[in-house]
């Protein structure tokens, strides 16, 4: 019973979610300035990159200063408990999908980000996305093992977090 109560408490306080897991890096409230030009990439370019061990307070990694853009088909689209949209896309260059996270613009820390207007604009688009839609996503490359390993997902925990721009492709 004590274990269940403890786990419930962790869940309700947000521990285990982005709130304590490098949240200032994920919400760009760490003083980072987004590059002006995104590098267009294929998911296969990311999937063999080395896994870098990070802790909850690890400062922004060099690879997390990359603004990247990927175009692909939505394979998963879930609103997570922390209010972020978790969207996975596949661009056909590999069998793996790339997780992409749209930060909840109502999050109290995200509201302090100099990029809050970008987060709001992203949510206006991402709220209407469905599995099977073709989409272009731009954002900051990030390494996040909180989602664990899933066969379909890129194996080195790379993702886009946060999404800073997205467009549905018709």
C-alpha atoms as a PDB file:
ATOM      1  CA  UNK A   1       0.000   0.000   0.000  1.00  0.00           C
ATOM      2  CA  UNK A   2       2.822   2.422   0.850  1.00  0.00           C
ATOM      3  CA  UNK A   3       4.392   1.820  -2.584  1.00  0.00           C
ATOM      4  CA  UNK A   4       1.116   2.573  -4.393  1.00  0.00           C
ATOM      5  CA  UNK A   5       0.622   5.769  -2.365  1.00  0.00           C
ATOM      6  CA  UNK A   6       4.198   6.859  -3.069  1.00  0.00           C
ATOM      7  CA  UNK A   7       3.826   6.222  -6.824  1.00  0.00           C
ATOM      8  CA  UNK A   8       0.531   8.099  -6.893  1.00  0.00           C
ATOM      9  CA  UNK A   9       2.174  11.020  -5.099  1.00  0.00           C
ATOM     10  CA  UNK A  10       5.023  11.037  -7.635  1.00  0.00           C
ATOM     11  CA  UNK A  11       2.530  11.026 -10.497  1.00  0.00           C
ATOM     12  CA  UNK A  12       0.402  13.838  -9.061  1.00  0.00           C
ATOM     13  CA  UNK A  13       3.400  16.061  -8.342  1.00  0.00           C
ATOM     14  CA  UNK A  14       4.806  15.630 -11.841  1.00  0.00           C
ATOM     15  CA  UNK A  15       7.956  13.841 -10.725  1.00  0.00           C
ATOM     16  CA  UNK A  16       8.948  11.463 -13.484  1.00  0.00           C
ATOM     17  CA  UNK A  17       7.597  13.877 -16.062  1.00  0.00           C
ATOM     18  CA  UNK A  18       9.381  16.800 -17.640  1.00  0.00           C
ATOM     19  CA  UNK A  19       8.812  19.083 -14.665  1.00  0.00           C
ATOM     20  CA  UNK A  20      12.001  17.920 -12.962  1.00  0.00           C
ATOM     21  CA  UNK A  21      13.734  16.270 -15.906  1.00  0.00           C
ATOM     22  CA  UNK A  22      15.754  19.111 -17.459  1.00  0.00           C
ATOM     23  CA  UNK A  23      12.603  21.204 -17.838  1.00  0.00           C
ATOM     24  CA  UNK A  24      14.508  24.492 -18.326  1.00  0.00           C
ATOM     25  CA  UNK A  25      16.259  22.925 -21.332  1.00  0.00           C
ATOM     26  CA  UNK A  26      12.984  21.525 -22.703  1.00  0.00           C
ATOM     27  CA  UNK A  27      11.172  24.870 -22.379  1.00  0.00           C
ATOM     28  CA  UNK A  28      14.140  27.014 -23.469  1.00  0.00           C
ATOM     29  CA  UNK A  29      14.162  28.924 -20.179  1.00  0.00           C
ATOM     30  CA  UNK A  30      17.886  28.250 -19.698  1.00  0.00           C
ATOM     31  CA  UNK A  31      19.114  31.319 -21.625  1.00  0.00           C
ATOM     32  CA  UNK A  32      19.601  29.430 -24.906  1.00  0.00           C
ATOM     33  CA  UNK A  33      18.942  31.377 -28.114  1.00  0.00           C
ATOM     34  CA  UNK A  34      17.450  29.360 -30.975  1.00  0.00           C
ATOM     35  CA  UNK A  35      19.519  29.447 -34.191  1.00  0.00           C
ATOM     36  CA  UNK A  36      17.896  31.420 -37.011  1.00  0.00           C
ATOM     37  CA  UNK A  37      18.127  28.616 -39.597  1.00  0.00           C
ATOM     38  CA  UNK A  38      17.047  25.012 -39.153  1.00  0.00           C
ATOM     39  CA  UNK A  39      18.970  22.120 -40.644  1.00  0.00           C
ATOM     40  CA  UNK A  40      16.700  19.819 -42.671  1.00  0.00           C
ATOM     41  CA  UNK A  41      17.468  16.227 -41.694  1.00  0.00           C
ATOM     42  CA  UNK A  42      16.304  12.653 -42.233  1.00  0.00           C
ATOM     43  CA  UNK A  43      15.558  10.459 -39.218  1.00  0.00           C
ATOM     44  CA  UNK A  44      18.172   7.961 -40.374  1.00  0.00           C
ATOM     45  CA  UNK A  45      20.782  10.728 -39.837  1.00  0.00           C
ATOM     46  CA  UNK A  46      19.924  10.756 -36.119  1.00  0.00           C
ATOM     47  CA  UNK A  47      19.304   7.103 -35.319  1.00  0.00           C
ATOM     48  CA  UNK A  48      22.945   6.018 -35.032  1.00  0.00           C
ATOM     49  CA  UNK A  49      24.177   8.918 -32.920  1.00  0.00           C
ATOM     50  CA  UNK A  50      25.818   7.975 -29.635  1.00  0.00           C
ATOM     51  CA  UNK A  51      23.711   7.952 -26.472  1.00  0.00           C
ATOM     52  CA  UNK A  52      25.019  10.508 -23.987  1.00  0.00           C
ATOM     53  CA  UNK A  53      24.324   9.796 -20.330  1.00  0.00           C
ATOM     54  CA  UNK A  54      22.373  12.659 -18.802  1.00  0.00           C
ATOM     55  CA  UNK A  55      20.935  13.343 -15.371  1.00  0.00           C
ATOM     56  CA  UNK A  56      17.996  15.454 -14.284  1.00  0.00           C
ATOM     57  CA  UNK A  57      20.180  18.564 -13.943  1.00  0.00           C
ATOM     58  CA  UNK A  58      22.590  18.042 -16.868  1.00  0.00           C
ATOM     59  CA  UNK A  59      23.080  21.379 -18.684  1.00  0.00           C
ATOM     60  CA  UNK A  60      22.214  21.710 -22.369  1.00  0.00           C
ATOM     61  CA  UNK A  61      24.329  19.327 -24.474  1.00  0.00           C
ATOM     62  CA  UNK A  62      26.075  20.487 -27.677  1.00  0.00           C
ATOM     63  CA  UNK A  63      23.631  18.476 -29.814  1.00  0.00           C
ATOM     64  CA  UNK A  64      20.759  20.189 -27.984  1.00  0.00           C
ATOM     65  CA  UNK A  65      21.775  23.454 -29.625  1.00  0.00           C
ATOM     66  CA  UNK A  66      20.726  22.116 -33.036  1.00  0.00           C
ATOM     67  CA  UNK A  67      17.586  23.469 -34.654  1.00  0.00           C
ATOM     68  CA  UNK A  68      16.393  20.682 -36.939  1.00  0.00           C
ATOM     69  CA  UNK A  69      13.496  20.203 -39.313  1.00  0.00           C
ATOM     70  CA  UNK A  70      11.893  16.899 -40.358  1.00  0.00           C
ATOM     71  CA  UNK A  71       8.994  16.178 -42.692  1.00  0.00           C
ATOM     72  CA  UNK A  72       7.099  12.939 -42.232  1.00  0.00           C
ATOM     73  CA  UNK A  73       3.894  11.090 -41.506  1.00  0.00           C
ATOM     74  CA  UNK A  74       2.399  11.099 -38.009  1.00  0.00           C
ATOM     75  CA  UNK A  75       2.547   7.569 -36.538  1.00  0.00           C
ATOM     76  CA  UNK A  76       1.518   8.423 -32.961  1.00  0.00           C
ATOM     77  CA  UNK A  77      -0.170  11.472 -31.434  1.00  0.00           C
ATOM     78  CA  UNK A  78      -0.905  11.539 -27.689  1.00  0.00           C
ATOM     79  CA  UNK A  79      -1.660  14.278 -25.184  1.00  0.00           C
ATOM     80  CA  UNK A  80       0.514  13.411 -22.184  1.00  0.00           C
ATOM     81  CA  UNK A  81      -0.293  13.868 -18.496  1.00  0.00           C
ATOM     82  CA  UNK A  82       2.068  16.880 -18.306  1.00  0.00           C
ATOM     83  CA  UNK A  83       0.080  18.703 -21.035  1.00  0.00           C
ATOM     84  CA  UNK A  84       2.677  18.229 -23.785  1.00  0.00           C
ATOM     85  CA  UNK A  85       1.671  16.704 -27.104  1.00  0.00           C
ATOM     86  CA  UNK A  86       3.821  13.663 -27.899  1.00  0.00           C
ATOM     87  CA  UNK A  87       3.855  13.226 -31.673  1.00  0.00           C
ATOM     88  CA  UNK A  88       5.947  10.651 -33.492  1.00  0.00           C
ATOM     89  CA  UNK A  89       6.713  10.918 -37.186  1.00  0.00           C
ATOM     90  CA  UNK A  90       8.360   8.692 -39.775  1.00  0.00           C
ATOM     91  CA  UNK A  91       9.947  10.178 -42.892  1.00  0.00           C
ATOM     92  CA  UNK A  92      10.475   6.887 -44.766  1.00  0.00           C
ATOM     93  CA  UNK A  93      14.285   6.988 -44.437  1.00  0.00           C
ATOM     94  CA  UNK A  94      14.179   4.275 -41.728  1.00  0.00           C
ATOM     95  CA  UNK A  95      11.656   2.062 -39.974  1.00  0.00           C
ATOM     96  CA  UNK A  96      12.055   4.123 -36.779  1.00  0.00           C
ATOM     97  CA  UNK A  97       9.936   7.087 -35.766  1.00  0.00           C
ATOM     98  CA  UNK A  98      11.162  10.326 -34.212  1.00  0.00           C
ATOM     99  CA  UNK A  99       9.391  11.550 -31.063  1.00  0.00           C
ATOM    100  CA  UNK A 100       8.543  15.268 -31.140  1.00  0.00           C
ATOM    101  CA  UNK A 101       7.182  17.152 -28.135  1.00  0.00           C
ATOM    102  CA  UNK A 102       5.026  20.268 -28.213  1.00  0.00           C
ATOM    103  CA  UNK A 103       5.383  22.063 -24.879  1.00  0.00           C
ATOM    104  CA  UNK A 104       2.151  22.954 -23.104  1.00  0.00           C
ATOM    105  CA  UNK A 105       1.986  26.771 -23.352  1.00  0.00           C
ATOM    106  CA  UNK A 106      -0.065  26.821 -20.126  1.00  0.00           C
ATOM    107  CA  UNK A 107       2.781  25.297 -18.117  1.00  0.00           C
ATOM    108  CA  UNK A 108       3.958  27.818 -15.494  1.00  0.00           C
ATOM    109  CA  UNK A 109       7.635  27.481 -16.493  1.00  0.00           C
ATOM    110  CA  UNK A 110       6.944  27.437 -20.244  1.00  0.00           C
ATOM    111  CA  UNK A 111       5.040  30.726 -19.813  1.00  0.00           C
ATOM    112  CA  UNK A 112       8.361  32.352 -18.805  1.00  0.00           C
ATOM    113  CA  UNK A 113      10.141  31.216 -21.976  1.00  0.00           C
ATOM    114  CA  UNK A 114      11.054  33.903 -24.518  1.00  0.00           C
ATOM    115  CA  UNK A 115       9.576  31.448 -27.060  1.00  0.00           C
ATOM    116  CA  UNK A 116       6.095  31.209 -25.503  1.00  0.00           C
ATOM    117  CA  UNK A 117       4.505  32.701 -28.656  1.00  0.00           C
ATOM    118  CA  UNK A 118       6.089  29.879 -30.664  1.00  0.00           C
ATOM    119  CA  UNK A 119       4.699  27.285 -28.214  1.00  0.00           C
ATOM    120  CA  UNK A 120       1.211  28.799 -28.555  1.00  0.00           C
ATOM    121  CA  UNK A 121       1.427  28.796 -32.373  1.00  0.00           C
ATOM    122  CA  UNK A 122       2.636  25.187 -32.377  1.00  0.00           C
ATOM    123  CA  UNK A 123      -0.291  24.125 -30.180  1.00  0.00           C
ATOM    124  CA  UNK A 124      -2.765  25.772 -32.547  1.00  0.00           C
ATOM    125  CA  UNK A 125      -1.530  23.411 -35.288  1.00  0.00           C
ATOM    126  CA  UNK A 126      -0.651  20.308 -33.269  1.00  0.00           C
ATOM    127  CA  UNK A 127      -4.084  20.188 -31.566  1.00  0.00           C
ATOM    128  CA  UNK A 128      -5.643  19.247 -34.914  1.00  0.00           C
ATOM    129  CA  UNK A 129      -3.037  16.706 -36.063  1.00  0.00           C
ATOM    130  CA  UNK A 130      -4.112  13.079 -36.567  1.00  0.00           C
ATOM    131  CA  UNK A 131      -2.230   9.843 -37.159  1.00  0.00           C
ATOM    132  CA  UNK A 132      -1.591   9.598 -40.908  1.00  0.00           C
ATOM    133  CA  UNK A 133      -1.233  13.365 -41.449  1.00  0.00           C
ATOM    134  CA  UNK A 134       1.892  14.587 -43.209  1.00  0.00           C
ATOM    135  CA  UNK A 135       3.628  17.290 -41.201  1.00  0.00           C
ATOM    136  CA  UNK A 136       6.814  19.340 -41.099  1.00  0.00           C
ATOM    137  CA  UNK A 137       8.208  19.772 -37.595  1.00  0.00           C
ATOM    138  CA  UNK A 138      11.018  22.124 -36.583  1.00  0.00           C
ATOM    139  CA  UNK A 139      12.543  22.258 -33.141  1.00  0.00           C
ATOM    140  CA  UNK A 140      15.473  21.631 -30.874  1.00  0.00           C
ATOM    141  CA  UNK A 141      17.214  18.256 -30.946  1.00  0.00           C
ATOM    142  CA  UNK A 142      17.062  16.710 -27.487  1.00  0.00           C
ATOM    143  CA  UNK A 143      18.070  13.444 -25.836  1.00  0.00           C
ATOM    144  CA  UNK A 144      15.365  12.132 -23.520  1.00  0.00           C
ATOM    145  CA  UNK A 145      15.249   8.576 -22.231  1.00  0.00           C
ATOM    146  CA  UNK A 146      12.114   9.184 -20.152  1.00  0.00           C
ATOM    147  CA  UNK A 147      10.015   7.547 -22.881  1.00  0.00           C
ATOM    148  CA  UNK A 148      12.069   4.356 -22.721  1.00  0.00           C
ATOM    149  CA  UNK A 149      12.942   2.104 -25.604  1.00  0.00           C
ATOM    150  CA  UNK A 150      10.206   1.123 -28.031  1.00  0.00           C
ATOM    151  CA  UNK A 151      10.977  -0.933 -31.137  1.00  0.00           C
ATOM    152  CA  UNK A 152       9.428   1.597 -33.537  1.00  0.00           C
ATOM    153  CA  UNK A 153      11.148   4.590 -31.930  1.00  0.00           C
ATOM    154  CA  UNK A 154      14.632   5.870 -32.775  1.00  0.00           C
ATOM    155  CA  UNK A 155      16.913   3.746 -30.537  1.00  0.00           C
ATOM    156  CA  UNK A 156      19.177   6.447 -29.073  1.00  0.00           C
ATOM    157  CA  UNK A 157      16.488   8.546 -27.327  1.00  0.00           C
ATOM    158  CA  UNK A 158      16.896  11.469 -29.742  1.00  0.00           C
ATOM    159  CA  UNK A 159      13.793  13.600 -30.187  1.00  0.00           C
ATOM    160  CA  UNK A 160      12.657  17.108 -30.985  1.00  0.00           C
ATOM    161  CA  UNK A 161      11.811  18.935 -27.757  1.00  0.00           C
ATOM    162  CA  UNK A 162      10.440  21.495 -27.940  1.00  0.00           C
ATOM    163  CA  UNK A 163       8.753  21.849 -31.298  1.00  0.00           C
ATOM    164  CA  UNK A 164       9.186  25.510 -32.243  1.00  0.00           C
ATOM    165  CA  UNK A 165       7.309  25.440 -35.537  1.00  0.00           C
ATOM    166  CA  UNK A 166       5.057  22.985 -37.356  1.00  0.00           C
ATOM    167  CA  UNK A 167       2.964  22.879 -40.502  1.00  0.00           C
ATOM    168  CA  UNK A 168       0.519  20.351 -41.881  1.00  0.00           C
ATOM    169  CA  UNK A 169       1.336  19.423 -45.460  1.00  0.00           C
ATOM    170  CA  UNK A 170      -1.634  18.967 -47.771  1.00  0.00           C
END
